[in-house]
PDB file of N, CA and C in Angstrom:
ATOM      1  N   MET A   1     102.101 153.655  77.713  1.00  0.00           N
ATOM      2  CA  MET A   1     101.895 154.253  76.424  1.00  0.00           C
ATOM      3  C   MET A   1     101.279 155.645  76.610  1.00  0.00           C
ATOM      4  N   THR A   2     101.892 156.635  75.965  1.00  0.00           N
ATOM      5  CA  THR A   2     101.378 157.989  76.096  1.00  0.00           C
ATOM      6  C   THR A   2     100.558 158.366  74.874  1.00  0.00           C
ATOM      7  N   ARG A   3      99.634 159.261  75.080  1.00  0.00           N
ATOM      8  CA  ARG A   3      98.721 159.724  74.067  1.00  0.00           C
ATOM      9  C   ARG A   3      99.174 161.072  73.542  1.00  0.00           C
ATOM     10  N   ASN A   4      98.904 161.385  72.293  1.00  0.00           N
ATOM     11  CA  ASN A   4      99.166 162.710  71.744  1.00  0.00           C
ATOM     12  C   ASN A   4      97.970 163.589  72.079  1.00  0.00           C
ATOM     13  N   ILE A   5      98.205 164.680  72.835  1.00  0.00           N
ATOM     14  CA  ILE A   5      97.096 165.528  73.259  1.00  0.00           C
ATOM     15  C   ILE A   5      96.888 166.721  72.336  1.00  0.00           C
ATOM     16  N   GLY A   6      97.714 166.853  71.300  1.00  0.00           N
ATOM     17  CA  GLY A   6      97.515 167.905  70.318  1.00  0.00           C
ATOM     18  C   GLY A   6      98.278 169.179  70.593  1.00  0.00           C
ATOM     19  N   LEU A   7      99.181 169.168  71.577  1.00  0.00           N
ATOM     20  CA  LEU A   7     100.011 170.334  71.884  1.00  0.00           C
ATOM     21  C   LEU A   7     101.465 169.995  71.600  1.00  0.00           C
ATOM     22  N   ASP A   8     102.262 171.011  71.295  1.00  0.00           N
ATOM     23  CA  ASP A   8     103.686 170.792  71.003  1.00  0.00           C
ATOM     24  C   ASP A   8     104.500 170.735  72.290  1.00  0.00           C
ATOM     25  N   ILE A   9     104.197 169.765  73.126  1.00  0.00           N
ATOM     26  CA  ILE A   9     104.873 169.581  74.406  1.00  0.00           C
ATOM     27  C   ILE A   9     105.318 168.133  74.494  1.00  0.00           C
ATOM     28  N   ALA A  10     106.545 167.927  74.972  1.00  0.00           N
ATOM     29  CA  ALA A  10     107.031 166.564  75.150  1.00  0.00           C
ATOM     30  C   ALA A  10     106.272 165.911  76.308  1.00  0.00           C
ATOM     31  N   PRO A  11     105.743 164.706  76.111  1.00  0.00           N
ATOM     32  CA  PRO A  11     105.018 164.036  77.197  1.00  0.00           C
ATOM     33  C   PRO A  11     105.972 163.626  78.309  1.00  0.00           C
ATOM     34  N   PRO A  12     105.463 163.464  79.523  1.00  0.00           N
ATOM     35  CA  PRO A  12     106.335 163.067  80.636  1.00  0.00           C
ATOM     36  C   PRO A  12     106.866 161.657  80.446  1.00  0.00           C
ATOM     37  N   GLU A  13     108.052 161.422  81.014  1.00  0.00           N
ATOM     38  CA  GLU A  13     108.682 160.099  80.885  1.00  0.00           C
ATOM     39  C   GLU A  13     108.106 159.094  81.861  1.00  0.00           C
ATOM     40  N   LYS A  14     107.607 159.580  83.011  1.00  0.00           N
ATOM     41  CA  LYS A  14     107.000 158.683  83.987  1.00  0.00           C
ATOM     42  C   LYS A  14     105.639 158.216  83.502  1.00  0.00           C
ATOM     43  N   GLN A  15     105.245 157.040  83.939  1.00  0.00           N
ATOM     44  CA  GLN A  15     103.923 156.494  83.649  1.00  0.00           C
ATOM     45  C   GLN A  15     103.050 156.651  84.898  1.00  0.00           C
ATOM     46  N   CYS A  16     101.753 156.808  84.701  1.00  0.00           N
ATOM     47  CA  CYS A  16     100.843 156.871  85.845  1.00  0.00           C
ATOM     48  C   CYS A  16      99.535 156.166  85.482  1.00  0.00           C
ATOM     49  N   GLU A  17      98.768 155.846  86.491  1.00  0.00           N
ATOM     50  CA  GLU A  17      97.481 155.178  86.311  1.00  0.00           C
ATOM     51  C   GLU A  17      96.327 156.112  86.664  1.00  0.00           C
ATOM     52  N   ASP A  18      96.558 157.408  86.629  1.00  0.00           N
ATOM     53  CA  ASP A  18      95.543 158.389  87.001  1.00  0.00           C
ATOM     54  C   ASP A  18      94.482 158.495  85.906  1.00  0.00           C
ATOM     55  N   LYS A  19      93.206 158.428  86.300  1.00  0.00           N
ATOM     56  CA  LYS A  19      92.117 158.520  85.328  1.00  0.00           C
ATOM     57  C   LYS A  19      91.927 159.946  84.823  1.00  0.00           C
ATOM     58  N   LYS A  20      92.531 160.922  85.501  1.00  0.00           N
ATOM     59  CA  LYS A  20      92.398 162.323  85.112  1.00  0.00           C
ATOM     60  C   LYS A  20      93.673 162.864  84.463  1.00  0.00           C
ATOM     61  N   CYS A  21      94.528 161.994  83.967  1.00  0.00           N
ATOM     62  CA  CYS A  21      95.762 162.398  83.289  1.00  0.00           C
ATOM     63  C   CYS A  21      95.498 162.504  81.790  1.00  0.00           C
ATOM     64  N   PRO A  22      95.868 163.631  81.162  1.00  0.00           N
ATOM     65  CA  PRO A  22      95.607 163.749  79.718  1.00  0.00           C
ATOM     66  C   PRO A  22      96.498 162.853  78.869  1.00  0.00           C
ATOM     67  N   TYR A  23      97.638 162.424  79.391  1.00  0.00           N
ATOM     68  CA  TYR A  23      98.578 161.613  78.622  1.00  0.00           C
ATOM     69  C   TYR A  23      98.308 160.117  78.737  1.00  0.00           C
ATOM     70  N   HIS A  24      97.815 159.654  79.888  1.00  0.00           N
ATOM     71  CA  HIS A  24      97.686 158.216  80.136  1.00  0.00           C
ATOM     72  C   HIS A  24      96.245 157.755  80.330  1.00  0.00           C
ATOM     73  N   SER A  25      95.279 158.597  79.980  1.00  0.00           N
ATOM     74  CA  SER A  25      93.870 158.199  80.052  1.00  0.00           C
ATOM     75  C   SER A  25      93.107 158.916  78.947  1.00  0.00           C
ATOM     76  N   ASN A  26      91.815 158.964  79.048  1.00  0.00           N
ATOM     77  CA  ASN A  26      90.978 159.526  77.983  1.00  0.00           C
ATOM     78  C   ASN A  26      90.612 160.987  78.192  1.00  0.00           C
ATOM     79  N   LEU A  27      91.219 161.689  79.153  1.00  0.00           N
ATOM     80  CA  LEU A  27      90.863 163.078  79.425  1.00  0.00           C
ATOM     81  C   LEU A  27      91.252 163.957  78.244  1.00  0.00           C
ATOM     82  N   SER A  28      90.259 164.620  77.648  1.00  0.00           N
ATOM     83  CA  SER A  28      90.542 165.488  76.509  1.00  0.00           C
ATOM     84  C   SER A  28      90.781 166.911  77.002  1.00  0.00           C
ATOM     85  N   VAL A  29      91.753 167.570  76.390  1.00  0.00           N
ATOM     86  CA  VAL A  29      92.039 168.962  76.723  1.00  0.00           C
ATOM     87  C   VAL A  29      91.502 169.832  75.598  1.00  0.00           C
ATOM     88  N   ARG A  30      91.039 171.015  75.968  1.00  0.00           N
ATOM     89  CA  ARG A  30      90.442 171.911  74.987  1.00  0.00           C
ATOM     90  C   ARG A  30      90.539 173.329  75.529  1.00  0.00           C
ATOM     91  N   GLY A  31      90.222 174.288  74.691  1.00  0.00           N
ATOM     92  CA  GLY A  31      90.168 175.668  75.148  1.00  0.00           C
ATOM     93  C   GLY A  31      91.532 176.325  75.243  1.00  0.00           C
ATOM     94  N   ARG A  32      91.656 177.235  76.182  1.00  0.00           N
ATOM     95  CA  ARG A  32      92.854 178.043  76.322  1.00  0.00           C
ATOM     96  C   ARG A  32      94.009 177.273  76.938  1.00  0.00           C
ATOM     97  N   VAL A  33      95.223 177.604  76.496  1.00  0.00           N
ATOM     98  CA  VAL A  33      96.452 177.097  77.094  1.00  0.00           C
ATOM     99  C   VAL A  33      97.068 178.266  77.845  1.00  0.00           C
ATOM    100  N   ILE A  34      97.293 178.116  79.151  1.00  0.00           N
ATOM    101  CA  ILE A  34      97.681 179.223  80.025  1.00  0.00           C
ATOM    102  C   ILE A  34      99.005 178.901  80.693  1.00  0.00           C
ATOM    103  N   ILE A  35      99.827 179.923  80.909  1.00  0.00           N
ATOM    104  CA  ILE A  35     101.086 179.784  81.634  1.00  0.00           C
ATOM    105  C   ILE A  35     100.922 180.474  82.985  1.00  0.00           C
ATOM    106  N   GLY A  36     101.350 179.793  84.055  1.00  0.00           N
ATOM    107  CA  GLY A  36     101.249 180.373  85.387  1.00  0.00           C
ATOM    108  C   GLY A  36     102.325 179.835  86.301  1.00  0.00           C
ATOM    109  N   THR A  37     102.327 180.322  87.534  1.00  0.00           N
ATOM    110  CA  THR A  37     103.311 179.944  88.545  1.00  0.00           C
ATOM    111  C   THR A  37     102.617 179.185  89.675  1.00  0.00           C
ATOM    112  N   VAL A  38     103.204 178.069  90.084  1.00  0.00           N
ATOM    113  CA  VAL A  38     102.632 177.265  91.169  1.00  0.00           C
ATOM    114  C   VAL A  38     102.823 178.018  92.480  1.00  0.00           C
ATOM    115  N   VAL A  39     101.720 178.199  93.213  1.00  0.00           N
ATOM    116  CA  VAL A  39     101.752 178.921  94.473  1.00  0.00           C
ATOM    117  C   VAL A  39     101.653 177.965  95.659  1.00  0.00           C
ATOM    118  N   SER A  40     100.817 176.925  95.539  1.00  0.00           N
ATOM    119  CA  SER A  40     100.583 176.030  96.666  1.00  0.00           C
ATOM    120  C   SER A  40     100.381 174.600  96.172  1.00  0.00           C
ATOM    121  N   LYS A  41     100.938 173.652  96.931  1.00  0.00           N
ATOM    122  CA  LYS A  41     100.742 172.230  96.645  1.00  0.00           C
ATOM    123  C   LYS A  41     100.033 171.544  97.802  1.00  0.00           C
ATOM    124  N   GLY A  42      99.164 172.254  98.504  1.00  0.00           N
ATOM    125  CA  GLY A  42      98.539 171.742  99.712  1.00  0.00           C
ATOM    126  C   GLY A  42      97.490 170.674  99.476  1.00  0.00           C
ATOM    127  N   MET A  43      96.932 170.596  98.283  1.00  0.00           N
ATOM    128  CA  MET A  43      95.867 169.635  98.011  1.00  0.00           C
ATOM    129  C   MET A  43      96.458 168.340  97.457  1.00  0.00           C
ATOM    130  N   VAL A  44      95.683 167.275  97.503  1.00  0.00           N
ATOM    131  CA  VAL A  44      96.109 165.994  96.961  1.00  0.00           C
ATOM    132  C   VAL A  44      95.868 166.013  95.451  1.00  0.00           C
ATOM    133  N   ASN A  45      96.917 165.792  94.660  1.00  0.00           N
ATOM    134  CA  ASN A  45      96.859 165.754  93.193  1.00  0.00           C
ATOM    135  C   ASN A  45      96.338 167.056  92.578  1.00  0.00           C
ATOM    136  N   SER A  46      96.459 168.154  93.278  1.00  0.00           N
ATOM    137  CA  SER A  46      96.024 169.447  92.750  1.00  0.00           C
ATOM    138  C   SER A  46      96.961 170.533  93.247  1.00  0.00           C
ATOM    139  N   VAL A  47      97.054 171.614  92.480  1.00  0.00           N
ATOM    140  CA  VAL A  47      97.881 172.750  92.864  1.00  0.00           C
ATOM    141  C   VAL A  47      97.096 174.027  92.616  1.00  0.00           C
ATOM    142  N   VAL A  48      97.540 175.105  93.251  1.00  0.00           N
ATOM    143  CA  VAL A  48      96.994 176.429  92.981  1.00  0.00           C
ATOM    144  C   VAL A  48      98.008 177.149  92.116  1.00  0.00           C
ATOM    145  N   VAL A  49      97.566 177.645  90.961  1.00  0.00           N
ATOM    146  CA  VAL A  49      98.444 178.318  90.013  1.00  0.00           C
ATOM    147  C   VAL A  49      97.977 179.762  89.881  1.00  0.00           C
ATOM    148  N   ARG A  50      98.942 180.693  89.923  1.00  0.00           N
ATOM    149  CA  ARG A  50      98.634 182.115  89.804  1.00  0.00           C
ATOM    150  C   ARG A  50      99.118 182.628  88.459  1.00  0.00           C
ATOM    151  N   ARG A  51      98.261 183.400  87.794  1.00  0.00           N
ATOM    152  CA  ARG A  51      98.604 184.008  86.510  1.00  0.00           C
ATOM    153  C   ARG A  51      98.501 185.514  86.661  1.00  0.00           C
ATOM    154  N   GLU A  52      99.596 186.214  86.312  1.00  0.00           N
ATOM    155  CA  GLU A  52      99.610 187.671  86.371  1.00  0.00           C
ATOM    156  C   GLU A  52      99.510 188.217  84.955  1.00  0.00           C
ATOM    157  N   PHE A  53      98.711 189.260  84.789  1.00  0.00           N
ATOM    158  CA  PHE A  53      98.568 189.875  83.479  1.00  0.00           C
ATOM    159  C   PHE A  53      98.233 191.350  83.662  1.00  0.00           C
ATOM    160  N   LYS A  54      98.384 192.107  82.592  1.00  0.00           N
ATOM    161  CA  LYS A  54      98.072 193.535  82.624  1.00  0.00           C
ATOM    162  C   LYS A  54      96.860 193.792  81.752  1.00  0.00           C
ATOM    163  N   LYS A  55      95.987 194.678  82.232  1.00  0.00           N
ATOM    164  CA  LYS A  55      94.858 195.103  81.414  1.00  0.00           C
ATOM    165  C   LYS A  55      94.781 196.624  81.439  1.00  0.00           C
ATOM    166  N   PHE A  56      94.250 197.177  80.386  1.00  0.00           N
ATOM    167  CA  PHE A  56      94.243 198.622  80.212  1.00  0.00           C
ATOM    168  C   PHE A  56      92.983 199.221  80.805  1.00  0.00           C
ATOM    169  N   ASN A  57      93.139 200.251  81.650  1.00  0.00           N
ATOM    170  CA  ASN A  57      92.026 200.984  82.215  1.00  0.00           C
ATOM    171  C   ASN A  57      91.828 202.245  81.375  1.00  0.00           C
ATOM    172  N   SER A  58      90.715 202.322  80.654  1.00  0.00           N
ATOM    173  CA  SER A  58      90.523 203.427  79.725  1.00  0.00           C
ATOM    174  C   SER A  58      90.241 204.752  80.432  1.00  0.00           C
ATOM    175  N   LYS A  59      89.665 204.722  81.621  1.00  0.00           N
ATOM    176  CA  LYS A  59      89.362 205.965  82.327  1.00  0.00           C
ATOM    177  C   LYS A  59      90.630 206.700  82.726  1.00  0.00           C
ATOM    178  N   TYR A  60      91.587 205.975  83.286  1.00  0.00           N
ATOM    179  CA  TYR A  60      92.829 206.583  83.746  1.00  0.00           C
ATOM    180  C   TYR A  60      93.974 206.415  82.753  1.00  0.00           C
ATOM    181  N   GLU A  61      93.705 205.730  81.643  1.00  0.00           N
ATOM    182  CA  GLU A  61      94.690 205.490  80.591  1.00  0.00           C
ATOM    183  C   GLU A  61      95.983 204.895  81.147  1.00  0.00           C
ATOM    184  N   ARG A  62      95.834 203.882  81.956  1.00  0.00           N
ATOM    185  CA  ARG A  62      96.967 203.191  82.571  1.00  0.00           C
ATOM    186  C   ARG A  62      96.752 201.685  82.481  1.00  0.00           C
ATOM    187  N   ASN A  63      97.852 200.953  82.547  1.00  0.00           N
ATOM    188  CA  ASN A  63      97.763 199.500  82.649  1.00  0.00           C
ATOM    189  C   ASN A  63      97.645 199.119  84.111  1.00  0.00           C
ATOM    190  N   ILE A  64      96.772 198.177  84.393  1.00  0.00           N
ATOM    191  CA  ILE A  64      96.568 197.675  85.745  1.00  0.00           C
ATOM    192  C   ILE A  64      97.080 196.254  85.803  1.00  0.00           C
ATOM    193  N   LYS A  65      97.906 195.956  86.795  1.00  0.00           N
ATOM    194  CA  LYS A  65      98.396 194.594  86.983  1.00  0.00           C
ATOM    195  C   LYS A  65      97.327 193.801  87.723  1.00  0.00           C
ATOM    196  N   SER A  66      96.930 192.677  87.148  1.00  0.00           N
ATOM    197  CA  SER A  66      95.862 191.882  87.718  1.00  0.00           C
ATOM    198  C   SER A  66      96.347 190.442  87.908  1.00  0.00           C
ATOM    199  N   ILE A  67      95.739 189.753  88.861  1.00  0.00           N
ATOM    200  CA  ILE A  67      96.151 188.389  89.212  1.00  0.00           C
ATOM    201  C   ILE A  67      94.930 187.483  89.207  1.00  0.00           C
ATOM    202  N   SER A  68      95.072 186.304  88.620  1.00  0.00           N
ATOM    203  CA  SER A  68      94.037 185.274  88.680  1.00  0.00           C
ATOM    204  C   SER A  68      94.630 184.011  89.278  1.00  0.00           C
ATOM    205  N   SER A  69      93.869 183.346  90.116  1.00  0.00           N
ATOM    206  CA  SER A  69      94.302 182.078  90.691  1.00  0.00           C
ATOM    207  C   SER A  69      93.408 180.966  90.168  1.00  0.00           C
ATOM    208  N   TYR A  70      94.013 179.839  89.857  1.00  0.00           N
ATOM    209  CA  TYR A  70      93.293 178.687  89.328  1.00  0.00           C
ATOM    210  C   TYR A  70      93.607 177.469  90.193  1.00  0.00           C
ATOM    211  N   HIS A  71      92.593 176.637  90.435  1.00  0.00           N
ATOM    212  CA  HIS A  71      92.824 175.324  91.010  1.00  0.00           C
ATOM    213  C   HIS A  71      92.997 174.367  89.838  1.00  0.00           C
ATOM    214  N   VAL A  72      94.134 173.675  89.805  1.00  0.00           N
ATOM    215  CA  VAL A  72      94.516 172.882  88.641  1.00  0.00           C
ATOM    216  C   VAL A  72      94.864 171.468  89.092  1.00  0.00           C
ATOM    217  N   HIS A  73      94.371 170.469  88.356  1.00  0.00           N
ATOM    218  CA  HIS A  73      94.708 169.077  88.646  1.00  0.00           C
ATOM    219  C   HIS A  73      96.145 168.802  88.226  1.00  0.00           C
ATOM    220  N   LEU A  74      96.895 168.101  89.058  1.00  0.00           N
ATOM    221  CA  LEU A  74      98.284 167.755  88.779  1.00  0.00           C
ATOM    222  C   LEU A  74      98.409 166.237  88.694  1.00  0.00           C
ATOM    223  N   PRO A  75      98.621 165.679  87.490  1.00  0.00           N
ATOM    224  CA  PRO A  75      98.793 164.224  87.377  1.00  0.00           C
ATOM    225  C   PRO A  75     100.084 163.783  88.087  1.00  0.00           C
ATOM    226  N   PRO A  76     100.130 162.559  88.608  1.00  0.00           N
ATOM    227  CA  PRO A  76     101.324 162.078  89.312  1.00  0.00           C
ATOM    228  C   PRO A  76     102.549 161.946  88.413  1.00  0.00           C
ATOM    229  N   CYS A  77     102.372 161.889  87.102  1.00  0.00           N
ATOM    230  CA  CYS A  77     103.516 161.726  86.206  1.00  0.00           C
ATOM    231  C   CYS A  77     104.271 163.032  85.967  1.00  0.00           C
ATOM    232  N   ILE A  78     103.723 164.167  86.389  1.00  0.00           N
ATOM    233  CA  ILE A  78     104.379 165.466  86.248  1.00  0.00           C
ATOM    234  C   ILE A  78     104.764 165.949  87.644  1.00  0.00           C
ATOM    235  N   GLU A  79     106.046 166.235  87.835  1.00  0.00           N
ATOM    236  CA  GLU A  79     106.526 166.670  89.145  1.00  0.00           C
ATOM    237  C   GLU A  79     106.802 168.165  89.113  1.00  0.00           C
ATOM    238  N   VAL A  80     106.177 168.898  90.031  1.00  0.00           N
ATOM    239  CA  VAL A  80     106.408 170.335  90.158  1.00  0.00           C
ATOM    240  C   VAL A  80     106.596 170.675  91.626  1.00  0.00           C
ATOM    241  N   LYS A  81     107.154 171.855  91.882  1.00  0.00           N
ATOM    242  CA  LYS A  81     107.274 172.362  93.239  1.00  0.00           C
ATOM    243  C   LYS A  81     106.839 173.824  93.236  1.00  0.00           C
ATOM    244  N   ASN A  82     106.727 174.423  94.398  1.00  0.00           N
ATOM    245  CA  ASN A  82     106.307 175.816  94.485  1.00  0.00           C
ATOM    246  C   ASN A  82     107.290 176.710  93.747  1.00  0.00           C
ATOM    247  N   GLY A  83     106.771 177.648  92.975  1.00  0.00           N
ATOM    248  CA  GLY A  83     107.600 178.564  92.218  1.00  0.00           C
ATOM    249  C   GLY A  83     107.866 178.138  90.788  1.00  0.00           C
ATOM    250  N   ASP A  84     107.529 176.909  90.406  1.00  0.00           N
ATOM    251  CA  ASP A  84     107.730 176.440  89.030  1.00  0.00           C
ATOM    252  C   ASP A  84     106.692 177.076  88.109  1.00  0.00           C
ATOM    253  N   ARG A  85     107.121 177.363  86.893  1.00  0.00           N
ATOM    254  CA  ARG A  85     106.188 177.831  85.864  1.00  0.00           C
ATOM    255  C   ARG A  85     105.644 176.609  85.143  1.00  0.00           C
ATOM    256  N   VAL A  86     104.318 176.550  85.028  1.00  0.00           N
ATOM    257  CA  VAL A  86     103.672 175.397  84.407  1.00  0.00           C
ATOM    258  C   VAL A  86     102.762 175.860  83.281  1.00  0.00           C
ATOM    259  N   LEU A  87     102.509 174.932  82.384  1.00  0.00           N
ATOM    260  CA  LEU A  87     101.578 175.130  81.279  1.00  0.00           C
ATOM    261  C   LEU A  87     100.350 174.289  81.599  1.00  0.00           C
ATOM    262  N   PHE A  88      99.185 174.921  81.647  1.00  0.00           N
ATOM    263  CA  PHE A  88      97.967 174.171  81.935  1.00  0.00           C
ATOM    264  C   PHE A  88      96.885 174.581  80.957  1.00  0.00           C
ATOM    265  N   THR A  89      95.914 173.719  80.808  1.00  0.00           N
ATOM    266  CA  THR A  89      94.867 173.947  79.827  1.00  0.00           C
ATOM    267  C   THR A  89      93.508 173.550  80.401  1.00  0.00           C
ATOM    268  N   GLU A  90      92.476 174.003  79.732  1.00  0.00           N
ATOM    269  CA  GLU A  90      91.119 173.691  80.162  1.00  0.00           C
ATOM    270  C   GLU A  90      90.766 172.251  79.829  1.00  0.00           C
ATOM    271  N   CYS A  91      89.865 171.696  80.618  1.00  0.00           N
ATOM    272  CA  CYS A  91      89.352 170.343  80.370  1.00  0.00           C
ATOM    273  C   CYS A  91      87.941 170.295  80.944  1.00  0.00           C
ATOM    274  N   ARG A  92      87.379 169.124  80.990  1.00  0.00           N
ATOM    275  CA  ARG A  92      86.043 169.008  81.579  1.00  0.00           C
ATOM    276  C   ARG A  92      86.141 169.241  83.094  1.00  0.00           C
ATOM    277  N   LYS A  93      85.028 169.423  83.740  1.00  0.00           N
ATOM    278  CA  LYS A  93      84.987 169.661  85.172  1.00  0.00           C
ATOM    279  C   LYS A  93      85.438 168.401  85.907  1.00  0.00           C
ATOM    280  N   LEU A  94      86.508 168.520  86.717  1.00  0.00           N
ATOM    281  CA  LEU A  94      87.044 167.367  87.438  1.00  0.00           C
ATOM    282  C   LEU A  94      86.606 167.349  88.894  1.00  0.00           C
ATOM    283  N   ALA A  95      86.322 168.506  89.459  1.00  0.00           N
ATOM    284  CA  ALA A  95      85.840 168.628  90.833  1.00  0.00           C
ATOM    285  C   ALA A  95      85.036 169.925  90.905  1.00  0.00           C
ATOM    286  N   LYS A  96      84.618 170.305  92.092  1.00  0.00           N
ATOM    287  CA  LYS A  96      83.793 171.497  92.224  1.00  0.00           C
ATOM    288  C   LYS A  96      84.507 172.746  91.722  1.00  0.00           C
ATOM    289  N   THR A  97      85.796 172.888  92.031  1.00  0.00           N
ATOM    290  CA  THR A  97      86.535 174.088  91.632  1.00  0.00           C
ATOM    291  C   THR A  97      87.630 173.810  90.620  1.00  0.00           C
ATOM    292  N   ILE A  98      87.784 172.574  90.168  1.00  0.00           N
ATOM    293  CA  ILE A  98      88.891 172.217  89.272  1.00  0.00           C
ATOM    294  C   ILE A  98      88.360 171.904  87.880  1.00  0.00           C
ATOM    295  N   SER A  99      88.789 172.719  86.908  1.00  0.00           N
ATOM    296  CA  SER A  99      88.424 172.459  85.513  1.00  0.00           C
ATOM    297  C   SER A  99      89.610 172.727  84.591  1.00  0.00           C
ATOM    298  N   HIS A 100      90.817 172.621  85.130  1.00  0.00           N
ATOM    299  CA  HIS A 100      92.050 172.760  84.356  1.00  0.00           C
ATOM    300  C   HIS A 100      92.986 171.625  84.756  1.00  0.00           C
ATOM    301  N   VAL A 101      93.944 171.311  83.861  1.00  0.00           N
ATOM    302  CA  VAL A 101      94.899 170.254  84.143  1.00  0.00           C
ATOM    303  C   VAL A 101      96.288 170.685  83.674  1.00  0.00           C
ATOM    304  N   VAL A 102      97.308 170.359  84.472  1.00  0.00           N
ATOM    305  CA  VAL A 102      98.693 170.678  84.114  1.00  0.00           C
ATOM    306  C   VAL A 102      99.132 169.732  82.995  1.00  0.00           C
ATOM    307  N   VAL A 103      99.703 170.297  81.921  1.00  0.00           N
ATOM    308  CA  VAL A 103     100.185 169.467  80.818  1.00  0.00           C
ATOM    309  C   VAL A 103     101.698 169.502  80.688  1.00  0.00           C
ATOM    310  N   GLY A 104     102.376 170.404  81.384  1.00  0.00           N
ATOM    311  CA  GLY A 104     103.825 170.425  81.299  1.00  0.00           C
ATOM    312  C   GLY A 104     104.439 171.454  82.227  1.00  0.00           C
ATOM    313  N   ARG A 105     105.729 171.260  82.505  1.00  0.00           N
ATOM    314  CA  ARG A 105     106.492 172.192  83.321  1.00  0.00           C
ATOM    315  C   ARG A 105     107.447 172.952  82.422  1.00  0.00           C
ATOM    316  N   LEU A 106     107.518 174.264  82.556  1.00  0.00           N
ATOM    317  CA  LEU A 106     108.364 175.075  81.695  1.00  0.00           C
ATOM    318  C   LEU A 106     109.774 175.251  82.251  1.00  0.00           C
ATOM    319  N   ASP A 107     109.953 175.109  83.566  1.00  0.00           N
ATOM    320  CA  ASP A 107     111.287 175.219  84.178  1.00  0.00           C
ATOM    321  C   ASP A 107     111.931 173.846  84.194  1.00  0.00           C
ATOM    322  N   GLN A 108     112.627 173.497  83.154  1.00  0.00           N
ATOM    323  CA  GLN A 108     113.231 172.148  83.077  1.00  0.00           C
ATOM    324  C   GLN A 108     114.623 172.154  83.644  1.00  0.00           C
TER     325      GLN A 108
END
């Protein structure tokens, strides 16, 4: 049985028993919803996601391309590979460096 997490995203078809899954457990999602690209799957049940954005530098009156990397929890019911665009959101602190969770894959 899947839970409605409050976002307009279709829940995954696979079932999982992960306690840190927003769809199949009590993990609440809140805060910002971010789109990024998966860079590394080296960790167990976690991925590194990179987000690129532009910000304006007022001194030089130019846009600067900036990059942020996030450590994001990946539930077993969502399958991604390197290079996939994913949608992830903030949640409670799950580990020392992980406070975001993947809620969907955009490259279907």
